[in-house]
Amino acid sequence: MRCVIARYPFDLTKSGVLDSMKGVAPELVTGESVTIGRRRYPVKQVGQVITRQDRRDFTSGEVVRALTRLGFTCHEQPGNTPAPVLTPLQAASALLSGAAASADAPTQG
């Protein structure tokens, strides 16, 4: 598949990416990541390995688009998921269950 990363064209294949990442230890994931094989790599690390460019030359979005088109599973930043929105009934139930737990606790005195 032909893609452009940091204004340079690349012909990437899924097997080529797998071969490039073979034997590469994954760094600590702090941002967007991609699952390659059974390992999870930061997309900037993968981009650097497959393009042989400095990480500052491309964005993680460019690499995510290319890897997604190749069939890899990409993940957003950890902790970037929004908090669940509770319905009024769920919120009231959560408040009551918390109040009931504290009311059942033995009092000291």
Protein backbone atom coordinates (compact mmCIF):
# COMPACT_ATOMS: atom_id res chain seq x y z
CA MET A 1 0.00 0.00 0.00
CA ARG A 2 1.31 3.41 -0.90
CA CYS A 3 1.11 6.09 1.79
CA VAL A 4 2.69 9.43 2.56
CA ILE A 5 4.34 10.01 5.93
CA ALA A 6 6.16 13.30 6.58
CA ARG A 7 5.76 14.27 2.91
CA TYR A 8 7.63 11.14 1.74
CA PRO A 9 5.93 8.28 -0.11
CA PHE A 10 6.28 4.76 1.27
CA ASP A 11 5.16 1.37 -0.02
CA LEU A 12 4.13 -0.50 3.11
CA THR A 13 2.80 -4.01 3.53
CA LYS A 14 1.48 -5.72 6.63
CA SER A 15 4.14 -8.42 6.41
CA GLY A 16 6.83 -5.77 5.93
CA VAL A 17 5.75 -3.96 9.11
CA LEU A 18 5.67 -7.27 11.00
CA ASP A 19 9.19 -8.10 9.79
CA SER A 20 10.48 -4.62 10.68
CA MET A 21 9.11 -4.82 14.22
CA LYS A 22 10.35 -8.36 14.84
CA GLY A 23 12.83 -8.29 17.71
CA VAL A 24 12.08 -4.67 18.63
CA ALA A 25 11.19 -4.23 22.31
CA PRO A 26 8.17 -1.99 22.85
CA GLU A 27 8.73 1.27 24.71
CA LEU A 28 6.43 2.55 27.43
CA VAL A 29 3.08 3.55 25.91
CA THR A 30 2.13 7.09 26.88
CA GLY A 31 0.16 8.16 23.82
CA GLU A 32 -1.45 6.51 20.84
CA SER A 33 -0.42 2.89 20.32
CA VAL A 34 -0.76 0.01 17.90
CA THR A 35 -0.96 -3.74 18.43
CA ILE A 36 1.52 -5.64 16.29
CA GLY A 37 1.53 -9.36 16.88
CA ARG A 38 1.02 -9.79 20.61
CA ARG A 39 2.77 -6.56 21.58
CA ARG A 40 1.57 -2.99 21.93
CA TYR A 41 3.93 -0.31 20.59
CA PRO A 42 3.76 3.50 20.64
CA VAL A 43 2.89 4.62 17.10
CA LYS A 44 5.84 7.02 17.02
CA GLN A 45 8.23 4.12 17.71
CA VAL A 46 6.69 2.08 14.89
CA GLY A 47 6.78 5.08 12.55
CA GLN A 48 10.46 5.60 13.29
CA VAL A 49 11.29 1.96 12.63
CA ILE A 50 9.32 1.56 9.40
CA THR A 51 10.25 4.95 7.87
CA ARG A 52 13.76 5.36 9.34
CA GLN A 53 12.89 8.99 10.04
CA ASP A 54 13.18 11.05 13.18
CA ARG A 55 10.00 10.98 15.29
CA ARG A 56 9.75 14.76 15.11
CA ASP A 57 9.33 14.60 11.31
CA PHE A 58 5.89 12.97 11.32
CA THR A 59 2.70 13.00 13.35
CA SER A 60 1.20 10.03 15.12
CA GLY A 61 -1.95 10.57 13.05
CA GLU A 62 -0.09 9.88 9.81
CA VAL A 63 1.21 6.58 11.17
CA VAL A 64 -2.16 5.62 12.67
CA ARG A 65 -3.88 6.17 9.31
CA ALA A 66 -1.31 4.05 7.48
CA LEU A 67 -1.33 1.22 10.03
CA THR A 68 -5.14 1.17 10.20
CA ARG A 69 -5.32 0.86 6.41
CA LEU A 70 -2.92 -2.08 6.66
CA GLY A 71 -5.24 -3.80 9.13
CA PHE A 72 -3.50 -3.17 12.45
CA THR A 73 -5.48 -2.24 15.56
CA CYS A 74 -4.65 1.25 16.81
CA HIS A 75 -5.54 2.58 20.26
CA GLU A 76 -6.06 6.11 21.54
CA GLN A 77 -4.17 7.61 24.45
CA PRO A 78 -4.61 5.77 27.73
CA GLY A 79 -7.00 7.59 30.01
CA ASN A 80 -8.53 9.42 27.06
CA THR A 81 -11.88 7.67 27.46
CA PRO A 82 -14.68 9.90 28.72
CA ALA A 83 -16.34 9.14 32.04
CA PRO A 84 -19.65 7.30 31.71
CA VAL A 85 -22.71 9.52 31.81
CA LEU A 86 -25.16 8.42 34.50
CA THR A 87 -28.89 8.79 34.15
CA PRO A 88 -30.64 10.54 37.05
CA LEU A 89 -31.86 7.15 38.29
CA GLN A 90 -28.33 5.68 38.21
CA ALA A 91 -26.89 8.75 39.97
CA ALA A 92 -29.52 8.57 42.73
CA SER A 93 -28.95 4.84 43.14
CA ALA A 94 -25.20 5.38 43.46
CA LEU A 95 -25.75 8.09 46.07
CA LEU A 96 -28.17 5.96 48.06
CA SER A 97 -25.93 2.90 48.00
CA GLY A 98 -23.04 5.00 49.26
CA ALA A 99 -25.23 6.52 51.99
CA ALA A 100 -26.55 3.09 52.99
CA ALA A 101 -23.03 1.69 53.28
CA SER A 102 -21.95 4.54 55.58
CA ALA A 103 -25.16 4.26 57.65
CA ASP A 104 -24.49 0.55 58.29
CA ALA A 105 -21.00 1.26 59.59
CA PRO A 106 -20.67 1.04 63.36
CA THR A 107 -20.34 4.36 65.12
CA GLN A 108 -17.77 4.99 67.76
CA GLY A 109 -18.77 6.89 70.80
